[in-house]
Amino acid sequence: MKKDAYDVIVVGAGNAAMSAALSAREQGARVLVLERAPRAKRGGNSSFTAGGFRFVFHGVEDIKKIVPDLTPEEIACTDFGDYTAEQYLDDLGRITQYHIDPDLAEILVRNSTPTVQWLREKGIRLVPNYGRQAFKHEGRFKFFGGFIIGAVGGGRGLIDGQFAAAEKLGIDIRYDAQATSLLRGSSGVDGVRVFAHGVEEEIRARAVVLACGGFEANREWRTKYLGPGWDMAKVRGTRYNTGDGIRMALDIGAQSYGQWSGCHSVSWERYANDFGDTDLTKSGQRNCYQFSIMINAEGQRFLDEGADFRNYTYAKYGRVVMQQPGGYAWQVFDAQGAPFLRDEYKLRGATKVQANTLEELADRMRDVHPANFVATVRDYNASIKRDVPFNPNVKDGRCTVGLAMPKSNWANPIEVPPFEAYSVGTGITFTFGGLKIDTTGHVLDTADTPLPGLYAAGELVGGLYYFNYPGSAGLMSGAVFGRISGREAATAALAK
């Protein structure tokens, strides 16, 4: 292929990559997207998500700008609340123990709303996430945890919409094309070496955007950087995120950044497949633990199931499950908690036992110390402040008293049969370590100097998440920094 056949090459084809491609094309650049996966498995981790975006908004009027077909009935029965820039920044700081790069945090938050509006302009349909982010309680929905909006069709709907927009704009897309290294010329990065269909070739461009995910699907790197046991984790998403983009950039002097020992990991179906399946994106999810108690092999509770809204705890509890004896746990519900179980608990493939007594339940769980389990449940039931009313839409303060491991909210007793228990292991979503970028998406070298012609966005960017992650900030940051990096790469390329 002749030199400078393209202005911008985007490596990857998830939300961040497609946002970069669309943004670069807006500037008039000739754009090529390289997708390692075949067409049927395109979209990276984004295809496996719920399609949610965490963004700044002020009441229902801002929501109506993004979801103009909200009905009067929906508006009348819903408290959307608001989510200010200050709240967003506070959440990012608190959740990451204030390790987050403050400049990147500011860019993410300040660009969140215009980026969601931009996606809608590109044809992405968005709707309020009823049911998963707002329960109907006493006749009214109230959204909680700072996350309101998701793409129609979830992550797959988001990706299909972005690809449709890209094809309409004339963006070239190549599937089954694995980028293996970056090409460098006198003016910086000027292309990518690609292995496709058994043939290696060089494709030239004036700028490259890396947006091909972290290294969560690389067992060797997981064990090396996350630690022992992580080779056994289940990958919630794509099998193609093996750290290629990170490695290619490091090979030419890019700076590693962020928490390489950290990752987004959740309670996941214990016997799930090794990698995700886009036809079964929800089947392994076990995210209703706040209405359960979680029990390890020794029959003990080991975390505060009601510490905060699910959006602020689920991405760190996978690591806690892995640290338990045997690397597994059970989520235990009674008939009072069962109505709050999402559909994925009812799908085929869930490791579930049911019984009419706690003793029988322990026997059917088989790998939990039975006497300890029964004693744990009885001690938990006896400790609950039952005079505090239960409300699933707020941190209700219905807590335990006197336990070594408290439950801070939503503490309903486990006492009404039938009892149900679901076995969980650890599912890894994405890794936190990656490349250092500046606020324009430029990849930096070890001296904090921009590498000419190289930009990055999405899950291979380090510095945003440490220890934990606020739900739906991932797609939002991918879109924000994808849009910025695509625009900046195109501007630089067209100026050459």
Protein backbone atom coordinates (compact mmCIF):
# COMPACT_ATOMS: atom_id res chain seq x y z
CA MET A 1 0.00 0.00 0.00
CA LYS A 2 1.40 3.37 -0.93
CA LYS A 3 2.79 5.79 1.63
CA ASP A 4 0.24 8.05 3.31
CA ALA A 5 -2.74 6.11 1.95
CA TYR A 6 -4.48 7.33 5.11
CA ASP A 7 -4.24 10.35 7.34
CA VAL A 8 -5.21 8.47 10.52
CA ILE A 9 -5.14 4.78 11.42
CA VAL A 10 -7.20 3.73 14.44
CA VAL A 11 -6.15 0.44 16.03
CA GLY A 12 -9.16 -1.18 17.67
CA ALA A 13 -12.89 -1.09 17.01
CA GLY A 14 -14.67 -0.59 20.32
CA ASN A 15 -16.40 2.53 21.58
CA ALA A 16 -13.18 4.51 22.10
CA ALA A 17 -11.77 3.50 18.72
CA MET A 18 -14.96 4.24 16.81
CA SER A 19 -15.33 7.57 18.60
CA ALA A 20 -11.78 8.41 17.49
CA ALA A 21 -12.49 7.33 13.91
CA LEU A 22 -15.70 9.35 13.70
CA SER A 23 -14.02 12.39 15.21
CA ALA A 24 -11.04 12.20 12.84
CA ARG A 25 -13.34 11.86 9.85
CA GLU A 26 -15.23 14.96 10.99
CA GLN A 27 -12.00 16.90 10.48
CA GLY A 28 -11.75 15.68 6.89
CA ALA A 29 -9.15 12.97 7.49
CA ARG A 30 -8.95 9.73 5.53
CA VAL A 31 -9.40 7.10 8.24
CA LEU A 32 -8.71 3.38 8.48
CA VAL A 33 -9.94 1.24 11.40
CA LEU A 34 -8.02 -1.97 12.11
CA GLU A 35 -10.02 -4.60 13.99
CA ARG A 36 -8.19 -7.72 15.15
CA ALA A 37 -11.43 -9.67 15.54
CA PRO A 38 -13.56 -11.00 12.70
CA ARG A 39 -16.58 -8.94 11.77
CA ALA A 40 -18.96 -11.12 13.80
CA LYS A 41 -16.96 -10.44 16.97
CA ARG A 42 -16.16 -6.78 16.37
CA GLY A 43 -16.47 -4.08 18.98
CA GLY A 44 -14.03 -5.10 21.70
CA ASN A 45 -15.24 -4.99 25.29
CA SER A 46 -17.82 -2.35 24.41
CA SER A 47 -20.03 -5.03 22.83
CA PHE A 48 -20.28 -6.78 26.21
CA THR A 49 -21.37 -3.76 28.22
CA ALA A 50 -24.79 -2.46 29.16
CA GLY A 51 -24.03 0.57 26.98
CA GLY A 52 -24.21 3.04 29.87
CA PHE A 53 -22.70 6.52 30.10
CA ARG A 54 -21.95 8.44 33.29
CA PHE A 55 -22.26 12.15 32.53
CA VAL A 56 -23.09 15.48 34.11
CA PHE A 57 -26.76 16.49 34.00
CA HIS A 58 -29.12 18.82 35.85
CA GLY A 59 -32.59 17.39 36.17
CA VAL A 60 -35.11 16.06 33.70
CA GLU A 61 -34.63 18.92 31.20
CA ASP A 62 -31.09 17.77 30.46
CA ILE A 63 -32.28 14.17 30.13
CA LYS A 64 -34.96 15.25 27.65
CA LYS A 65 -32.27 16.77 25.40
CA ILE A 66 -30.71 13.34 25.10
CA VAL A 67 -33.92 11.29 25.24
CA PRO A 68 -36.44 13.57 23.50
CA ASP A 69 -39.10 10.85 23.35
CA LEU A 70 -39.50 10.56 27.12
CA THR A 71 -43.22 10.22 27.76
CA PRO A 72 -45.16 12.44 30.18
CA GLU A 73 -45.95 9.29 32.18
CA GLU A 74 -42.26 8.43 32.54
CA ILE A 75 -41.44 11.97 33.63
CA ALA A 76 -44.30 12.03 36.15
CA CYS A 77 -43.27 8.80 37.89
CA THR A 78 -39.49 9.29 37.86
CA ASP A 79 -37.06 11.20 40.03
CA PHE A 80 -34.01 11.62 37.77
CA GLY A 81 -32.21 13.82 40.28
CA ASP A 82 -29.07 15.50 39.02
CA TYR A 83 -25.37 14.74 38.79
CA THR A 84 -23.10 17.75 38.99
CA ALA A 85 -19.51 18.09 37.81
CA GLU A 86 -18.50 18.42 41.44
CA GLN A 87 -20.25 15.16 42.35
CA TYR A 88 -18.64 13.39 39.41
CA LEU A 89 -15.16 14.61 40.37
CA ASP A 90 -15.79 13.68 44.00
CA ASP A 91 -16.85 10.18 42.98
CA LEU A 92 -13.79 9.71 40.79
CA GLY A 93 -11.53 10.87 43.61
CA ARG A 94 -13.21 8.88 46.35
CA ILE A 95 -13.49 5.65 44.36
CA THR A 96 -9.85 5.74 43.22
CA GLN A 97 -8.55 6.79 46.65
CA TYR A 98 -7.52 10.10 45.03
CA HIS A 99 -4.88 8.52 42.81
CA ILE A 100 -6.69 9.49 39.60
CA ASP A 101 -4.79 11.86 37.32
CA PRO A 102 -6.54 15.17 38.09
CA ASP A 103 -6.08 16.60 34.60
CA LEU A 104 -7.60 13.55 32.94
CA ALA A 105 -10.44 13.54 35.48
CA GLU A 106 -11.24 17.16 34.70
CA ILE A 107 -11.27 16.50 30.95
CA LEU A 108 -13.51 13.47 31.40
CA VAL A 109 -16.06 15.27 33.54
CA ARG A 110 -16.18 18.56 31.64
CA ASN A 111 -16.56 16.80 28.29
CA SER A 112 -19.03 14.13 29.39
CA THR A 113 -22.28 15.91 28.52
CA PRO A 114 -21.23 17.34 25.13
CA THR A 115 -19.80 13.94 24.18
CA VAL A 116 -23.07 12.14 24.97
CA GLN A 117 -24.88 14.76 22.87
CA TRP A 118 -22.33 14.22 20.08
CA LEU A 119 -22.96 10.45 20.14
CA ARG A 120 -26.67 11.09 19.82
CA GLU A 121 -25.98 13.31 16.80
CA LYS A 122 -24.09 10.36 15.30
CA GLY A 123 -27.23 8.26 15.51
CA ILE A 124 -26.80 6.50 18.87
CA ARG A 125 -30.19 6.18 20.53
CA LEU A 126 -30.17 6.53 24.32
CA VAL A 127 -32.78 5.66 26.95
CA PRO A 128 -33.08 5.80 30.75
CA ASN A 129 -31.89 2.58 32.36
CA TYR A 130 -35.06 1.70 34.27
CA GLY A 131 -35.00 -1.48 36.33
CA ARG A 132 -31.22 -1.77 36.53
CA GLN A 133 -30.55 1.72 37.90
CA ALA A 134 -33.91 2.64 39.38
CA PHE A 135 -36.34 0.42 41.28
CA LYS A 136 -40.03 1.19 41.48
CA HIS A 137 -40.60 1.81 45.18
CA GLU A 138 -43.89 3.06 46.56
CA GLY A 139 -45.10 3.78 43.01
CA ARG A 140 -42.13 5.89 41.89
CA PHE A 141 -38.76 5.35 40.24
CA LYS A 142 -35.70 7.04 41.65
CA PHE A 143 -32.34 6.75 39.89
CA PHE A 144 -29.33 6.10 42.05
CA GLY A 145 -25.56 5.91 41.80
CA GLY A 146 -24.99 8.65 39.21
CA PHE A 147 -25.79 6.51 36.15
CA ILE A 148 -28.99 7.22 34.20
CA ILE A 149 -28.61 6.63 30.46
CA GLY A 150 -27.72 3.65 28.27
CA ALA A 151 -27.67 2.93 24.55
CA VAL A 152 -30.66 1.17 23.02
CA GLY A 153 -29.57 -2.43 22.54
CA GLY A 154 -26.84 -2.12 25.18
CA GLY A 155 -23.22 -2.35 24.14
CA ARG A 156 -24.04 -4.20 20.93
CA GLY A 157 -26.51 -1.49 19.98
CA LEU A 158 -23.90 1.18 20.69
CA ILE A 159 -21.28 -0.54 18.54
CA ASP A 160 -23.66 -1.24 15.67
CA GLY A 161 -24.68 2.42 15.70
CA GLN A 162 -21.09 3.61 15.63
CA PHE A 163 -20.19 1.27 12.77
CA ALA A 164 -23.24 2.41 10.82
CA ALA A 165 -22.13 6.03 11.25
CA ALA A 166 -18.56 5.14 10.22
CA GLU A 167 -19.65 3.32 7.08
CA LYS A 168 -21.93 6.20 6.12
CA LEU A 169 -18.98 8.60 6.40
CA GLY A 170 -16.71 6.45 4.28
CA ILE A 171 -14.37 5.22 7.01
CA ASP A 172 -12.48 2.12 5.87
CA ILE A 173 -12.65 -0.89 8.22
CA ARG A 174 -10.48 -3.99 8.03
CA TYR A 175 -11.31 -7.09 10.08
CA ASP A 176 -9.02 -9.97 11.10
CA ALA A 177 -6.17 -7.45 11.05
CA GLN A 178 -3.82 -7.62 14.04
CA ALA A 179 -1.50 -4.66 14.51
CA THR A 180 1.90 -5.99 15.57
CA SER A 181 4.16 -2.91 15.70
CA LEU A 182 4.30 0.81 15.04
CA LEU A 183 6.24 2.30 12.14
CA ARG A 184 8.41 5.35 12.70
CA GLY A 185 9.73 7.87 10.25
CA SER A 186 11.58 11.16 10.43
CA SER A 187 8.46 12.97 11.65
CA GLY A 188 7.35 10.36 14.20
CA VAL A 189 4.89 7.47 14.07
CA ASP A 190 3.76 7.08 10.49
CA GLY A 191 2.01 3.75 10.27
CA VAL A 192 1.37 0.25 11.55
CA ARG A 193 2.70 -3.19 10.72
CA VAL A 194 -0.24 -5.59 10.40
CA PHE A 195 -0.65 -9.34 10.25
CA ALA A 196 -3.81 -10.25 8.36
CA HIS A 197 -4.89 -13.55 6.81
CA GLY A 198 -1.42 -15.01 7.14
CA VAL A 199 0.32 -12.07 5.49
CA GLU A 200 2.34 -9.26 7.07
CA GLU A 201 2.12 -5.80 5.57
CA GLU A 202 2.88 -2.17 6.37
CA ILE A 203 0.17 0.46 6.24
CA ARG A 204 1.26 4.09 6.31
CA ALA A 205 -0.54 7.08 7.79
CA ARG A 206 0.34 10.46 9.19
CA ALA A 207 -0.98 9.63 12.69
CA VAL A 208 -2.05 6.58 14.67
CA VAL A 209 -4.62 6.26 17.46
CA LEU A 210 -4.27 3.22 19.72
CA ALA A 211 -7.62 2.17 21.19
CA CYS A 212 -7.41 -1.62 21.36
CA GLY A 213 -7.98 -2.29 25.05
CA GLY A 214 -5.97 -3.49 28.02
CA PHE A 215 -4.37 -6.86 28.72
CA GLU A 216 -7.15 -8.67 30.60
CA ALA A 217 -7.31 -11.48 28.01
CA ASN A 218 -3.57 -12.19 28.38
CA ARG A 219 -3.18 -14.84 31.11
CA GLU A 220 0.58 -14.38 31.31
CA TRP A 221 0.36 -10.61 31.78
CA ARG A 222 -2.52 -10.97 34.27
CA THR A 223 -0.39 -13.22 36.45
CA LYS A 224 2.71 -11.06 35.98
CA TYR A 225 1.08 -7.74 36.82
CA LEU A 226 -2.09 -8.53 38.82
CA GLY A 227 -0.61 -11.40 40.81
CA PRO A 228 -1.04 -15.12 41.55
CA GLY A 229 -4.46 -16.56 40.85
CA TRP A 230 -5.43 -14.09 38.15
CA ASP A 231 -4.66 -16.63 35.44
CA MET A 232 -7.82 -18.39 36.67
CA ALA A 233 -10.13 -15.38 36.36
CA LYS A 234 -12.88 -15.45 33.75
CA VAL A 235 -12.70 -12.77 31.07
CA ARG A 236 -16.06 -11.04 30.87
CA GLY A 237 -15.46 -9.57 27.44
CA THR A 238 -13.43 -10.07 24.29
CA ARG A 239 -10.58 -12.59 23.94
CA TYR A 240 -8.67 -10.14 21.71
CA ASN A 241 -7.58 -7.62 24.36
CA THR A 242 -4.11 -9.04 25.02
CA GLY A 243 -2.18 -5.80 25.43
CA ASP A 244 -1.00 -5.39 21.83
CA GLY A 245 -1.42 -1.62 21.75
CA ILE A 246 0.33 -1.14 25.08
CA ARG A 247 3.25 -3.34 24.03
CA MET A 248 3.67 -1.61 20.66
CA ALA A 249 3.80 1.80 22.30
CA LEU A 250 6.18 0.72 25.05
CA ASP A 251 8.47 -0.73 22.37
CA ILE A 252 9.04 2.75 20.95
CA GLY A 253 9.54 4.51 24.28
CA ALA A 254 6.03 5.30 25.55
CA GLN A 255 5.61 5.77 29.29
CA SER A 256 3.71 3.15 31.27
CA TYR A 257 1.21 4.71 33.65
CA GLY A 258 -1.53 3.93 36.12
CA GLN A 259 -2.11 0.97 38.41
CA TRP A 260 -0.70 -2.05 36.59
CA SER A 261 -1.63 -4.25 39.55
CA GLY A 262 -5.26 -3.12 39.42
CA CYS A 263 -8.29 -4.07 37.37
CA HIS A 264 -12.06 -3.89 37.09
CA SER A 265 -13.27 -7.25 38.41
CA VAL A 266 -16.67 -8.42 39.58
CA SER A 267 -18.61 -11.29 41.12
CA TRP A 268 -19.20 -13.56 38.14
CA GLU A 269 -20.71 -16.96 37.45
CA ARG A 270 -18.22 -19.37 38.98
CA TYR A 271 -18.25 -21.84 36.09
CA ALA A 272 -18.59 -19.38 33.22
CA ASN A 273 -16.66 -19.83 29.99
CA ASP A 274 -13.12 -18.45 29.87
CA PHE A 275 -14.18 -15.56 27.61
CA GLY A 276 -17.35 -13.59 27.04
CA ASP A 277 -20.06 -14.36 24.52
CA THR A 278 -21.87 -11.40 22.97
CA ASP A 279 -25.01 -13.51 22.67
CA LEU A 280 -24.92 -14.10 26.44
CA THR A 281 -23.55 -10.78 27.72
CA LYS A 282 -25.61 -10.84 30.92
CA SER A 283 -25.55 -14.53 31.72
CA GLY A 284 -22.56 -14.39 34.07
CA GLN A 285 -23.48 -11.21 35.93
CA ARG A 286 -24.16 -11.50 39.66
CA ASN A 287 -24.57 -7.88 40.69
CA CYS A 288 -27.52 -8.01 43.09
CA TYR A 289 -25.29 -8.87 46.04
CA GLN A 290 -26.38 -5.77 47.97
CA PHE A 291 -29.66 -7.59 48.67
CA SER A 292 -27.87 -10.77 49.73
CA ILE A 293 -25.23 -11.87 52.14
CA MET A 294 -22.02 -13.23 50.61
CA ILE A 295 -20.51 -16.33 52.20
CA ASN A 296 -17.10 -17.92 51.66
CA ALA A 297 -16.04 -21.56 51.96
CA GLU A 298 -15.59 -21.18 55.73
CA GLY A 299 -19.23 -20.13 56.08
CA GLN A 300 -18.31 -16.53 56.93
CA ARG A 301 -19.30 -13.16 55.51
CA PHE A 302 -16.24 -11.31 54.22
CA LEU A 303 -17.37 -7.96 52.81
CA ASP A 304 -19.97 -5.24 53.40
CA GLU A 305 -22.59 -6.02 50.76
CA GLY A 306 -24.35 -2.72 51.44
CA ALA A 307 -21.37 -0.39 51.70
CA ASP A 308 -22.56 1.75 48.79
CA PHE A 309 -24.61 1.61 45.62
CA ARG A 310 -23.66 -1.27 43.36
CA ASN A 311 -22.13 1.20 40.86
CA TYR A 312 -19.44 2.09 43.38
CA THR A 313 -18.54 -1.35 44.72
CA TYR A 314 -19.08 -4.04 42.08
CA ALA A 315 -15.82 -3.40 40.20
CA LYS A 316 -13.66 -4.06 43.27
CA TYR A 317 -15.50 -7.01 44.79
CA GLY A 318 -14.25 -9.49 42.21
CA ARG A 319 -10.77 -9.16 43.70
CA VAL A 320 -12.19 -9.74 47.18
CA VAL A 321 -13.91 -12.94 46.02
CA MET A 322 -10.65 -14.17 44.50
CA GLN A 323 -8.93 -13.66 47.87
CA GLN A 324 -11.32 -16.06 49.60
CA PRO A 325 -10.43 -19.73 50.24
CA GLY A 326 -10.72 -21.51 46.91
CA GLY A 327 -11.38 -18.23 45.10
CA TYR A 328 -15.18 -18.52 45.26
CA ALA A 329 -18.19 -17.42 47.29
CA TRP A 330 -21.97 -17.77 47.46
CA GLN A 331 -24.60 -15.04 47.31
CA VAL A 332 -27.50 -16.02 49.58
CA PHE A 333 -31.04 -14.64 49.25
CA ASP A 334 -34.37 -15.43 50.83
CA ALA A 335 -37.87 -14.85 49.46
CA GLN A 336 -37.67 -11.16 50.44
CA GLY A 337 -34.54 -10.58 48.40
CA ALA A 338 -35.49 -12.71 45.41
CA PRO A 339 -37.74 -10.05 43.78
CA PHE A 340 -34.68 -7.82 43.35
CA LEU A 341 -32.76 -10.41 41.35
CA ARG A 342 -32.08 -9.32 37.79
CA ASP A 343 -32.95 -11.55 34.87
CA GLU A 344 -29.41 -12.90 34.55
CA TYR A 345 -29.84 -14.85 37.79
CA LYS A 346 -32.66 -16.74 36.11
CA LEU A 347 -30.81 -17.58 32.91
CA ARG A 348 -29.57 -21.02 32.04
CA GLY A 349 -26.08 -21.70 33.35
CA ALA A 350 -26.34 -20.18 36.81
CA THR A 351 -24.82 -22.30 39.57
CA LYS A 352 -27.79 -22.20 41.95
CA VAL A 353 -29.14 -24.21 44.87
CA GLN A 354 -32.48 -23.78 46.63
CA ALA A 355 -33.92 -25.12 49.88
CA ASN A 356 -36.60 -24.49 52.47
CA THR A 357 -34.22 -24.48 55.46
CA LEU A 358 -30.78 -23.03 56.02
CA GLU A 359 -29.42 -26.43 57.00
CA GLU A 360 -30.67 -27.98 53.78
CA LEU A 361 -29.26 -25.06 51.77
CA ALA A 362 -25.82 -25.54 53.36
CA ASP A 363 -25.93 -29.22 52.51
CA ARG A 364 -26.74 -28.47 48.87
CA MET A 365 -23.98 -25.86 48.62
CA ARG A 366 -21.56 -28.71 49.55
CA ASP A 367 -18.37 -26.61 49.63
CA VAL A 368 -19.33 -24.28 52.52
CA HIS A 369 -18.79 -25.12 56.21
CA PRO A 370 -22.40 -25.91 57.20
CA ALA A 371 -22.36 -25.14 60.93
CA ASN A 372 -20.50 -21.88 60.45
CA PHE A 373 -22.87 -20.88 57.66
CA VAL A 374 -26.00 -21.40 59.74
CA ALA A 375 -24.46 -19.56 62.70
CA THR A 376 -23.39 -16.68 60.45
CA VAL A 377 -26.90 -16.24 59.05
CA ARG A 378 -28.48 -16.32 62.51
CA ASP A 379 -26.01 -13.81 63.92
CA TYR A 380 -26.61 -11.57 60.91
CA ASN A 381 -30.39 -11.76 61.29
CA ALA A 382 -30.18 -10.92 64.98
CA SER A 383 -28.01 -7.85 64.37
CA ILE A 384 -30.29 -5.97 61.94
CA LYS A 385 -31.85 -2.61 62.86
CA ARG A 386 -35.34 -3.66 61.84
CA ASP A 387 -36.94 -0.38 62.85
CA VAL A 388 -35.20 1.35 59.92
CA PRO A 389 -37.36 1.10 56.75
CA PHE A 390 -35.94 -0.63 53.67
CA ASN A 391 -35.58 1.45 50.48
CA PRO A 392 -33.62 0.03 47.53
CA ASN A 393 -33.23 3.42 45.80
CA VAL A 394 -31.29 5.19 48.53
CA LYS A 395 -28.62 4.29 51.05
CA ASP A 396 -31.30 3.57 53.61
CA GLY A 397 -29.18 3.07 56.72
CA ARG A 398 -30.89 -0.24 57.44
CA CYS A 399 -27.77 -1.81 58.86
CA THR A 400 -26.35 -4.39 61.24
CA VAL A 401 -25.06 -3.63 64.74
CA GLY A 402 -22.24 -5.41 66.56
CA LEU A 403 -20.89 -7.60 63.75
CA ALA A 404 -17.21 -7.71 62.93
CA MET A 405 -18.20 -7.37 59.26
CA PRO A 406 -21.08 -4.88 59.07
CA LYS A 407 -23.70 -4.48 56.43
CA SER A 408 -24.28 -0.74 56.13
CA ASN A 409 -27.46 -0.58 54.04
CA TRP A 410 -30.28 -2.82 52.74
CA ALA A 411 -29.82 -5.32 55.57
CA ASN A 412 -32.85 -7.54 55.24
CA PRO A 413 -32.84 -10.79 57.23
CA ILE A 414 -32.37 -14.15 55.54
CA GLU A 415 -35.34 -15.87 57.15
CA VAL A 416 -38.22 -16.37 54.71
CA PRO A 417 -38.05 -19.55 52.60
CA PRO A 418 -37.36 -20.59 49.97
CA PHE A 419 -33.67 -19.76 50.30
CA GLU A 420 -31.46 -19.44 47.21
CA ALA A 421 -27.68 -19.38 46.82
CA TYR A 422 -25.64 -18.56 43.72
CA SER A 423 -21.98 -19.54 43.42
CA VAL A 424 -19.62 -16.85 42.12
CA GLY A 425 -16.01 -16.53 41.14
CA THR A 426 -14.12 -13.59 39.65
CA GLY A 427 -14.77 -12.02 36.27
CA ILE A 428 -12.23 -9.52 34.95
CA THR A 429 -13.47 -6.68 32.76
CA PHE A 430 -10.42 -4.54 32.02
CA THR A 431 -7.02 -3.66 33.44
CA PHE A 432 -6.11 -0.27 34.91
CA GLY A 433 -2.46 0.00 33.85
CA GLY A 434 -1.54 1.35 30.44
CA LEU A 435 -0.05 4.30 28.59
CA LYS A 436 0.34 7.87 29.73
CA ILE A 437 -1.42 10.51 27.64
CA ASP A 438 -1.83 14.24 27.96
CA THR A 439 -5.15 16.07 27.84
CA THR A 440 -5.10 16.05 24.01
CA GLY A 441 -4.78 12.27 23.86
CA HIS A 442 -1.13 12.42 22.82
CA VAL A 443 0.93 9.45 24.07
CA LEU A 444 3.86 10.61 26.21
CA ASP A 445 7.34 9.18 26.43
CA THR A 446 9.28 8.58 29.66
CA ALA A 447 10.27 12.27 29.77
CA ASP A 448 6.60 13.35 29.50
CA THR A 449 7.21 14.50 25.92
CA PRO A 450 4.56 13.74 23.29
CA LEU A 451 5.51 11.02 20.82
CA PRO A 452 4.85 12.64 17.42
CA GLY A 453 2.00 11.05 15.53
CA LEU A 454 0.83 8.74 18.35
CA TYR A 455 -2.43 9.08 20.30
CA ALA A 456 -4.43 6.78 22.57
CA ALA A 457 -7.88 6.34 24.11
CA GLY A 458 -9.94 3.77 25.95
CA GLU A 459 -8.93 0.99 28.30
CA LEU A 460 -5.22 1.09 27.40
CA VAL A 461 -4.93 4.58 28.92
CA GLY A 462 -3.50 4.52 32.43
CA GLY A 463 -4.07 7.00 35.21
CA LEU A 464 -7.86 7.05 35.36
CA TYR A 465 -8.79 4.16 37.63
CA TYR A 466 -7.11 2.79 40.74
CA PHE A 467 -8.45 0.06 43.08
CA ASN A 468 -12.02 0.62 41.91
CA TYR A 469 -14.19 2.21 39.26
CA PRO A 470 -17.54 4.06 39.16
CA GLY A 471 -20.01 2.23 36.94
CA SER A 472 -20.35 3.49 33.34
CA ALA A 473 -17.35 5.80 33.57
CA GLY A 474 -15.50 3.44 31.20
CA LEU A 475 -17.61 3.97 28.09
CA MET A 476 -17.78 7.64 28.94
CA SER A 477 -14.02 8.07 29.19
CA GLY A 478 -13.56 6.00 26.03
CA ALA A 479 -15.90 8.25 24.09
CA VAL A 480 -14.45 11.47 25.54
CA PHE A 481 -10.80 10.64 24.92
CA GLY A 482 -11.62 8.85 21.68
CA ARG A 483 -13.29 11.97 20.36
CA ILE A 484 -10.38 14.15 21.52
CA SER A 485 -7.61 11.87 20.24
CA GLY A 486 -9.30 11.43 16.86
CA ARG A 487 -9.71 15.15 16.43
CA GLU A 488 -6.13 15.92 17.49
CA ALA A 489 -4.66 13.12 15.37
CA ALA A 490 -6.54 14.34 12.30
CA THR A 491 -5.57 17.96 12.88
CA ALA A 492 -1.91 17.01 13.20
CA ALA A 493 -2.02 14.69 10.20
CA LEU A 494 -3.68 17.22 7.92
CA ALA A 495 -1.14 19.85 8.95
CA LYS A 496 1.78 17.69 7.75
